[in-house]
């Protein structure tokens, strides 16, 4: 029997997926992470495009004009081609503000991506240990089923020897069937969470390795990346408002246009014009009145900035609250472990006593099944308590603004 169990365990040890590997793989292969990365790349391209606005522009063009009724002093046909270089000497700071705005949008997108990855890591950790809890419960029920089956076979022999009643056999059979049903129910629930975990990670998972978190306390609270993202958005709106406000400042442009011309259907009254021409132009534009259109646009942007400020204040308070609650969660989990450990010792001791008495015929199968159930539940509760402590620390590190995977310790398999 031990050899068979060993053969079952060895593949698990070889192919088990560690939590660190799952988190790392998810950050590279999760579809939603990929979406965030694409958005970030788009923001980067937008920034580069906006930076190009500060450079001179070069245009080329041409036209052909044919007059059916020729105008005096103008050729009947005109062929023209030109090249124009243009540069904004001063635009009121519009382009520089737009560059800052796009840079803030890129920064916000980067923080948003990081925040999502951290949130995804926490979800994976929680589902990882939920599965571990299911494994503990299923394992306890499997042990219970083995014990019930052994007693069922024993009582059936007694019944065949007329030393036990049919009612004793039926009670044990009912307990065995109910236990089997509970195992199947837990396996289905486990499968549901397991497939959800595979979806988040982005690959099929063979089995899960055992892990723990380092137990560091008194961490300095770092601002959450989602808050940093909102602050970057707020700065982006401020720069957008500045770019709009530049409309009230002078706009100075310099351009140089060189054109080549040729003519057709010409005579003394319809002469040819210039064959080539170079035109240098400096223009200044200043908006004096627009019915308040620009100022209202700026006002709308500043209102949105105030809305973001309210969100930021709320998020800061929320993070602090959840961080403090995560500390309480750790303390509560540690107390649960102590309580569950005491309950397990008591239940195990009581079961051994009842088991001996049951075999000796001093107590009935009802007392035996009760003691077995209490021991099974206590075993599962103790293992769940241990897992809950690990999750509590993961939540604590998350709300402290840390990377969860930095605190994972892979346990060694003996």
Protein backbone atom coordinates (compact mmCIF):
# COMPACT_ATOMS: atom_id res chain seq x y z
CA UNK A 1 0.00 0.00 0.00
CA UNK A 2 2.83 2.38 0.92
CA UNK A 3 4.56 1.67 -2.39
CA UNK A 4 1.38 2.51 -4.28
CA UNK A 5 0.99 5.79 -2.40
CA UNK A 6 4.62 6.62 -3.14
CA UNK A 7 4.05 6.08 -6.85
CA UNK A 8 1.15 8.51 -6.68
CA UNK A 9 3.10 11.17 -4.80
CA UNK A 10 6.29 11.11 -6.90
CA UNK A 11 4.67 12.52 -10.09
CA UNK A 12 3.06 15.28 -8.03
CA UNK A 13 6.43 16.24 -6.60
CA UNK A 14 7.97 16.27 -10.06
CA UNK A 15 5.26 18.18 -11.91
CA UNK A 16 3.83 20.33 -9.11
CA UNK A 17 3.50 24.04 -9.97
CA UNK A 18 4.95 26.46 -7.43
CA UNK A 19 3.03 29.62 -6.56
CA UNK A 20 5.94 31.85 -7.62
CA UNK A 21 6.03 30.21 -11.05
CA UNK A 22 2.28 30.58 -11.45
CA UNK A 23 2.39 34.28 -10.59
CA UNK A 24 5.31 34.87 -12.95
CA UNK A 25 3.63 32.97 -15.78
CA UNK A 26 0.34 34.83 -15.29
CA UNK A 27 2.04 38.22 -15.57
CA UNK A 28 3.36 37.25 -18.98
CA UNK A 29 0.47 35.19 -20.38
CA UNK A 30 -2.81 36.35 -18.85
CA UNK A 31 -4.98 37.81 -21.63
CA UNK A 32 -6.12 40.77 -19.54
CA UNK A 33 -2.51 41.58 -18.66
CA UNK A 34 -1.69 41.46 -22.38
CA UNK A 35 -4.55 43.90 -23.00
CA UNK A 36 -3.12 46.29 -20.41
CA UNK A 37 0.32 45.99 -22.02
CA UNK A 38 -1.11 46.84 -25.45
CA UNK A 39 -2.84 49.91 -24.03
CA UNK A 40 0.46 50.98 -22.48
CA UNK A 41 2.25 50.52 -25.83
CA UNK A 42 -0.44 52.61 -27.54
CA UNK A 43 0.13 55.42 -25.01
CA UNK A 44 3.87 55.23 -25.73
CA UNK A 45 3.28 55.61 -29.48
CA UNK A 46 0.91 58.54 -28.84
CA UNK A 47 3.64 60.23 -26.79
CA UNK A 48 6.18 59.84 -29.60
CA UNK A 49 3.66 61.21 -32.09
CA UNK A 50 3.02 64.26 -29.91
CA UNK A 51 6.76 64.90 -29.50
CA UNK A 52 6.99 65.07 -33.31
CA UNK A 53 4.71 68.12 -33.26
CA UNK A 54 7.69 70.19 -32.07
CA UNK A 55 9.60 69.48 -35.28
CA UNK A 56 9.29 71.39 -38.57
CA UNK A 57 6.85 70.09 -41.18
CA UNK A 58 7.63 69.62 -44.87
CA UNK A 59 4.85 69.56 -47.45
CA UNK A 60 4.93 69.06 -51.20
CA UNK A 61 2.14 69.69 -53.63
CA UNK A 62 1.11 71.05 -56.97
CA UNK A 63 -1.79 72.03 -59.12
CA UNK A 64 -2.90 72.43 -62.74
CA UNK A 65 -5.21 75.24 -63.78
CA UNK A 66 -6.92 75.56 -67.14
CA UNK A 67 -9.12 78.53 -68.04
CA UNK A 68 -11.73 77.92 -70.74
CA UNK A 69 -12.16 81.68 -71.18
CA UNK A 70 -8.73 83.12 -70.52
CA UNK A 71 -8.46 86.01 -68.12
CA UNK A 72 -6.49 89.03 -69.34
CA UNK A 73 -2.83 89.05 -68.28
CA UNK A 74 -2.99 85.40 -67.24
CA UNK A 75 -1.90 82.32 -69.11
CA UNK A 76 -4.57 79.86 -70.15
CA UNK A 77 -2.81 76.90 -68.54
CA UNK A 78 -0.71 76.95 -65.39
CA UNK A 79 1.35 74.05 -64.06
CA UNK A 80 2.76 74.50 -60.57
CA UNK A 81 4.64 72.43 -58.01
CA UNK A 82 5.84 73.53 -54.61
CA UNK A 83 7.62 72.52 -51.43
CA UNK A 84 6.82 74.17 -48.11
CA UNK A 85 8.63 73.96 -44.79
CA UNK A 86 6.86 75.32 -41.74
CA UNK A 87 7.72 75.70 -38.07
CA UNK A 88 5.83 77.06 -35.08
CA UNK A 89 8.19 79.45 -33.35
CA UNK A 90 5.79 79.94 -30.45
CA UNK A 91 2.43 78.31 -29.75
CA UNK A 92 1.71 79.53 -26.23
CA UNK A 93 3.12 76.32 -24.73
CA UNK A 94 0.44 74.15 -26.32
CA UNK A 95 2.73 71.44 -27.68
CA UNK A 96 4.87 71.18 -24.55
CA UNK A 97 1.69 70.84 -22.47
CA UNK A 98 0.37 68.14 -24.80
CA UNK A 99 3.66 66.24 -24.51
CA UNK A 100 3.41 66.40 -20.72
CA UNK A 101 -0.20 65.25 -20.95
CA UNK A 102 0.69 62.22 -23.08
CA UNK A 103 3.60 61.41 -20.79
CA UNK A 104 1.21 61.47 -17.81
CA UNK A 105 -1.21 59.20 -19.69
CA UNK A 106 1.63 56.76 -20.35
CA UNK A 107 2.64 56.89 -16.69
CA UNK A 108 -0.97 56.34 -15.61
CA UNK A 109 -1.26 53.36 -17.95
CA UNK A 110 1.97 51.87 -16.55
CA UNK A 111 0.71 52.22 -12.97
CA UNK A 112 -2.65 50.78 -14.02
CA UNK A 113 -0.91 47.75 -15.53
CA UNK A 114 1.18 47.21 -12.40
CA UNK A 115 -1.90 47.59 -10.18
CA UNK A 116 -3.77 45.01 -12.24
CA UNK A 117 -0.86 42.55 -12.06
CA UNK A 118 -0.72 42.90 -8.27
CA UNK A 119 -4.48 42.43 -8.01
CA UNK A 120 -4.28 39.38 -10.27
CA UNK A 121 -1.49 37.95 -8.08
CA UNK A 122 -3.65 38.30 -4.98
CA UNK A 123 -6.59 36.57 -6.71
CA UNK A 124 -4.29 33.72 -7.76
CA UNK A 125 -2.93 33.37 -4.22
CA UNK A 126 -6.44 33.27 -2.77
CA UNK A 127 -7.63 30.64 -5.24
CA UNK A 128 -4.39 28.68 -4.76
CA UNK A 129 -5.07 28.32 -1.03
CA UNK A 130 -8.81 27.76 -1.53
CA UNK A 131 -7.80 24.71 -3.56
CA UNK A 132 -5.39 23.73 -0.77
CA UNK A 133 -8.30 23.96 1.67
CA UNK A 134 -10.40 21.71 -0.55
CA UNK A 135 -7.50 19.26 -0.70
CA UNK A 136 -7.31 19.21 3.10
CA UNK A 137 -11.06 18.62 3.44
CA UNK A 138 -11.08 15.92 0.77
CA UNK A 139 -8.06 14.22 2.36
CA UNK A 140 -9.76 14.21 5.77
CA UNK A 141 -12.95 12.80 4.28
CA UNK A 142 -10.96 10.15 2.41
CA UNK A 143 -9.38 9.06 5.71
CA UNK A 144 -12.82 9.05 7.28
CA UNK A 145 -14.17 6.91 4.43
CA UNK A 146 -11.37 4.37 4.93
CA UNK A 147 -12.19 4.14 8.65
CA UNK A 148 -15.94 3.82 8.03
CA UNK A 149 -15.37 1.17 5.36
CA UNK A 150 -13.18 -0.86 7.72
CA UNK A 151 -15.84 -0.72 10.43
CA UNK A 152 -18.59 -1.49 7.90
CA UNK A 153 -16.78 -4.63 6.78
CA UNK A 154 -16.23 -5.59 10.42
CA UNK A 155 -19.91 -5.12 11.35
CA UNK A 156 -21.05 -6.99 8.22
CA UNK A 157 -19.05 -10.01 9.39
CA UNK A 158 -20.64 -9.69 12.83
CA UNK A 159 -24.06 -9.48 11.18
CA UNK A 160 -23.37 -12.60 9.14
CA UNK A 161 -22.37 -14.32 12.39
CA UNK A 162 -25.62 -13.12 14.03
CA UNK A 163 -23.60 -10.94 16.44
CA UNK A 164 -24.89 -7.61 15.12
CA UNK A 165 -28.16 -6.18 13.81
CA UNK A 166 -29.09 -5.05 10.30
CA UNK A 167 -29.64 -1.58 11.71
CA UNK A 168 -25.95 -1.34 12.69
CA UNK A 169 -24.92 -2.25 9.16
CA UNK A 170 -27.38 0.23 7.58
CA UNK A 171 -26.17 3.13 9.73
CA UNK A 172 -22.56 2.56 8.75
CA UNK A 173 -23.52 2.09 5.09
CA UNK A 174 -25.48 5.36 5.19
CA UNK A 175 -22.53 7.17 6.77
CA UNK A 176 -20.21 5.71 4.13
CA UNK A 177 -22.49 6.81 1.25
CA UNK A 178 -22.96 10.31 2.69
CA UNK A 179 -19.22 10.66 3.13
CA UNK A 180 -18.63 9.60 -0.49
CA UNK A 181 -21.22 12.12 -1.66
CA UNK A 182 -19.51 14.89 0.34
CA UNK A 183 -16.19 14.00 -1.28
CA UNK A 184 -17.65 14.23 -4.78
CA UNK A 185 -19.28 17.57 -3.97
CA UNK A 186 -15.99 18.99 -2.71
CA UNK A 187 -14.16 17.65 -5.77
CA UNK A 188 -16.59 19.49 -8.05
CA UNK A 189 -16.15 22.73 -6.10
CA UNK A 190 -12.40 22.23 -6.25
CA UNK A 191 -12.56 21.66 -10.02
CA UNK A 192 -14.48 24.93 -10.44
CA UNK A 193 -11.84 26.95 -8.57
CA UNK A 194 -9.02 25.00 -10.24
CA UNK A 195 -10.25 25.89 -13.72
CA UNK A 196 -10.70 29.52 -12.65
CA UNK A 197 -7.07 29.47 -11.48
CA UNK A 198 -5.90 28.02 -14.81
CA UNK A 199 -7.80 30.78 -16.64
CA UNK A 200 -6.08 33.48 -14.59
CA UNK A 201 -2.64 31.90 -14.92
CA UNK A 202 -3.05 31.23 -18.62
CA UNK A 203 -2.03 27.57 -18.74
CA UNK A 204 -2.98 24.06 -17.63
CA UNK A 205 -1.83 23.15 -14.14
CA UNK A 206 -0.83 19.62 -13.14
CA UNK A 207 -0.83 20.06 -9.37
CA UNK A 208 0.06 22.61 -6.72
CA UNK A 209 3.24 22.67 -4.68
CA UNK A 210 3.35 23.62 -0.99
CA UNK A 211 4.38 27.21 -0.22
CA UNK A 212 4.48 29.66 2.64
CA UNK A 213 4.99 33.39 3.02
CA UNK A 214 7.68 35.06 5.04
CA UNK A 215 6.22 36.51 8.22
CA UNK A 216 7.37 40.14 8.08
CA UNK A 217 5.50 42.68 10.14
CA UNK A 218 5.59 46.46 10.63
CA UNK A 219 5.99 47.19 6.92
CA UNK A 220 5.92 50.80 5.74
CA UNK A 221 2.72 51.46 3.81
CA UNK A 222 3.44 52.34 0.18
CA UNK A 223 0.94 54.17 -1.97
CA UNK A 224 -1.11 51.75 -4.06
CA UNK A 225 -0.40 51.75 -7.81
CA UNK A 226 -4.04 52.46 -8.59
CA UNK A 227 -3.71 55.70 -6.58
CA UNK A 228 -0.52 56.56 -8.49
CA UNK A 229 -2.45 55.96 -11.71
CA UNK A 230 -5.20 58.37 -10.64
CA UNK A 231 -2.62 61.01 -9.68
CA UNK A 232 -1.01 60.69 -13.11
CA UNK A 233 -4.45 61.09 -14.73
CA UNK A 234 -4.99 64.18 -12.61
CA UNK A 235 -1.70 65.65 -13.80
CA UNK A 236 -2.68 64.74 -17.36
CA UNK A 237 -5.88 66.76 -17.08
CA UNK A 238 -3.96 69.71 -15.67
CA UNK A 239 -1.61 69.70 -18.67
CA UNK A 240 -4.55 69.32 -21.05
CA UNK A 241 -6.12 72.43 -19.49
CA UNK A 242 -2.84 74.31 -20.02
CA UNK A 243 -2.74 73.27 -23.68
CA UNK A 244 -6.27 74.56 -24.20
CA UNK A 245 -5.51 77.80 -22.38
CA UNK A 246 -2.65 78.44 -24.83
CA UNK A 247 -5.28 79.44 -27.41
CA UNK A 248 -5.39 82.89 -25.77
CA UNK A 249 -1.63 83.37 -26.22
CA UNK A 250 0.13 84.53 -29.41
CA UNK A 251 0.76 81.90 -32.09
CA UNK A 252 3.87 82.62 -34.16
CA UNK A 253 4.69 80.61 -37.29
CA UNK A 254 7.41 80.85 -39.91
CA UNK A 255 7.23 79.15 -43.30
CA UNK A 256 9.20 79.05 -46.56
CA UNK A 257 7.54 77.98 -49.81
CA UNK A 258 9.42 77.36 -53.04
CA UNK A 259 7.38 76.84 -56.20
CA UNK A 260 8.12 75.97 -59.85
CA UNK A 261 5.68 77.04 -62.59
CA UNK A 262 5.17 76.49 -66.28
CA UNK A 263 2.52 77.90 -68.64
CA UNK A 264 0.51 77.02 -71.72
CA UNK A 265 -1.71 78.94 -74.16
CA UNK A 266 0.17 82.21 -73.75
CA UNK A 267 0.48 85.31 -75.96
CA UNK A 268 1.11 89.04 -75.51
CA UNK A 269 -2.21 89.56 -73.73
CA UNK A 270 -1.85 86.31 -71.73
CA UNK A 271 1.80 86.29 -70.75
CA UNK A 272 3.74 83.76 -68.72
CA UNK A 273 4.27 84.41 -65.04
CA UNK A 274 7.23 83.67 -62.81
CA UNK A 275 8.95 80.36 -63.48
CA UNK A 276 10.03 79.93 -59.85
CA UNK A 277 9.36 81.75 -56.63
CA UNK A 278 10.50 81.55 -53.01
CA UNK A 279 8.10 82.96 -50.42
CA UNK A 280 9.14 83.47 -46.77
CA UNK A 281 6.30 84.20 -44.36
CA UNK A 282 6.10 84.98 -40.65
CA UNK A 283 2.59 85.00 -39.22
CA UNK A 284 1.28 86.00 -35.79
CA UNK A 285 -2.18 85.15 -34.57
CA UNK A 286 -3.88 86.22 -31.34
CA UNK A 287 -7.40 85.22 -30.39
CA UNK A 288 -9.32 88.12 -28.88
CA UNK A 289 -12.82 86.70 -28.49
CA UNK A 290 -14.51 83.27 -28.74
CA UNK A 291 -17.65 83.61 -26.56
CA UNK A 292 -15.82 81.86 -23.70
CA UNK A 293 -15.56 78.54 -25.59
CA UNK A 294 -11.96 77.82 -24.55
CA UNK A 295 -12.45 78.89 -20.93
CA UNK A 296 -15.52 76.63 -20.62
CA UNK A 297 -13.57 73.68 -21.98
CA UNK A 298 -10.86 74.35 -19.42
CA UNK A 299 -13.49 74.65 -16.69
CA UNK A 300 -14.95 71.23 -17.62
CA UNK A 301 -11.48 69.68 -17.46
CA UNK A 302 -10.78 71.18 -14.04
CA UNK A 303 -14.08 69.80 -12.73
CA UNK A 304 -13.00 66.34 -13.90
CA UNK A 305 -9.70 66.94 -12.10
CA UNK A 306 -11.61 67.67 -8.89
CA UNK A 307 -13.58 64.45 -9.38
CA UNK A 308 -10.31 62.52 -9.63
CA UNK A 309 -9.06 64.26 -6.49
CA UNK A 310 -12.09 62.96 -4.58
CA UNK A 311 -11.40 59.45 -5.88
CA UNK A 312 -7.76 59.73 -4.78
CA UNK A 313 -8.70 60.83 -1.28
CA UNK A 314 -11.15 57.95 -0.99
CA UNK A 315 -8.62 55.41 -2.30
CA UNK A 316 -5.99 56.60 0.18
CA UNK A 317 -8.43 56.19 3.08
CA UNK A 318 -9.57 52.81 1.73
CA UNK A 319 -6.03 51.46 1.40
CA UNK A 320 -5.17 52.55 4.94
CA UNK A 321 -8.34 50.95 6.29
CA UNK A 322 -7.78 47.67 4.43
CA UNK A 323 -4.13 47.64 5.48
CA UNK A 324 -5.11 47.94 9.15
CA UNK A 325 -7.76 45.26 8.68
CA UNK A 326 -5.17 42.94 7.11
CA UNK A 327 -3.12 43.20 10.31
CA UNK A 328 -6.18 42.24 12.35
CA UNK A 329 -6.79 39.37 9.92
CA UNK A 330 -3.30 38.00 10.66
CA UNK A 331 -3.85 38.23 14.43
CA UNK A 332 -7.23 36.52 14.10
CA UNK A 333 -5.76 33.75 11.90
CA UNK A 334 -3.02 33.05 14.45
CA UNK A 335 -5.63 32.72 17.20
CA UNK A 336 -7.66 30.37 14.99
CA UNK A 337 -4.60 28.16 14.50
CA UNK A 338 -4.10 27.88 18.26
CA UNK A 339 -7.77 27.09 18.78
CA UNK A 340 -7.86 24.59 15.90
CA UNK A 341 -4.69 22.90 17.17
CA UNK A 342 -6.21 22.41 20.63
CA UNK A 343 -9.45 21.15 19.10
CA UNK A 344 -7.54 18.67 16.92
CA UNK A 345 -5.58 17.28 19.87
CA UNK A 346 -8.77 16.89 21.88
CA UNK A 347 -10.69 15.31 18.97
CA UNK A 348 -7.83 12.90 18.15
CA UNK A 349 -7.54 11.80 21.76
CA UNK A 350 -11.31 11.33 22.09
CA UNK A 351 -11.45 9.37 18.84
CA UNK A 352 -8.74 6.94 19.94
CA UNK A 353 -10.65 6.30 23.18
CA UNK A 354 -14.02 5.85 21.43
CA UNK A 355 -12.45 3.67 18.76
CA UNK A 356 -11.08 1.26 21.38
CA UNK A 357 -14.40 1.20 23.22
CA UNK A 358 -16.31 0.66 19.96
CA UNK A 359 -14.11 -2.29 19.03
CA UNK A 360 -14.69 -3.68 22.51
CA UNK A 361 -18.45 -3.24 22.12
CA UNK A 362 -18.74 -0.72 24.98
CA UNK A 363 -20.17 2.12 22.78
CA UNK A 364 -22.43 1.94 19.74
CA UNK A 365 -21.72 3.02 16.18
CA UNK A 366 -23.45 6.39 16.71
CA UNK A 367 -20.85 7.43 19.29
CA UNK A 368 -18.08 6.11 17.03
CA UNK A 369 -19.31 8.02 13.98
CA UNK A 370 -19.69 11.21 16.01
CA UNK A 371 -16.13 10.94 17.32
CA UNK A 372 -14.83 10.21 13.82
CA UNK A 373 -16.70 13.20 12.37
CA UNK A 374 -15.37 15.52 15.06
CA UNK A 375 -11.81 14.35 14.40
CA UNK A 376 -12.24 14.70 10.63
CA UNK A 377 -13.68 18.20 10.93
CA UNK A 378 -10.97 19.23 13.41
CA UNK A 379 -8.22 18.00 11.09
CA UNK A 380 -9.63 19.89 8.11
CA UNK A 381 -10.19 23.03 10.22
CA UNK A 382 -6.60 23.01 11.47
CA UNK A 383 -5.20 22.72 7.93
CA UNK A 384 -7.57 25.43 6.70
CA UNK A 385 -6.41 27.69 9.53
CA UNK A 386 -2.80 27.26 8.45
CA UNK A 387 -3.71 28.13 4.85
CA UNK A 388 -5.81 31.10 5.95
CA UNK A 389 -2.79 32.54 7.75
CA UNK A 390 -0.79 32.41 4.50
CA UNK A 391 -3.60 34.20 2.66
CA UNK A 392 -3.79 36.77 5.46
CA UNK A 393 -0.11 37.60 4.98
CA UNK A 394 -0.57 37.81 1.20
CA UNK A 395 -3.40 40.31 1.72
CA UNK A 396 -1.24 42.23 4.19
CA UNK A 397 1.62 42.53 1.67
CA UNK A 398 -0.83 43.50 -1.08
CA UNK A 399 -2.38 46.38 0.85
CA UNK A 400 1.08 47.45 2.00
CA UNK A 401 1.74 48.12 -1.70
CA UNK A 402 4.30 45.31 -2.09
CA UNK A 403 4.82 42.60 -4.70
CA UNK A 404 3.37 39.44 -3.18
CA UNK A 405 5.77 37.09 -4.93
CA UNK A 406 8.74 38.76 -3.21
CA UNK A 407 7.60 37.19 0.09
CA UNK A 408 6.99 33.62 -1.05
CA UNK A 409 9.07 30.77 0.38
CA UNK A 410 8.94 27.45 -1.45
CA UNK A 411 8.75 24.59 1.00
CA UNK A 412 11.12 21.68 0.60
CA UNK A 413 9.55 18.29 0.01
CA UNK A 414 10.99 15.67 2.37
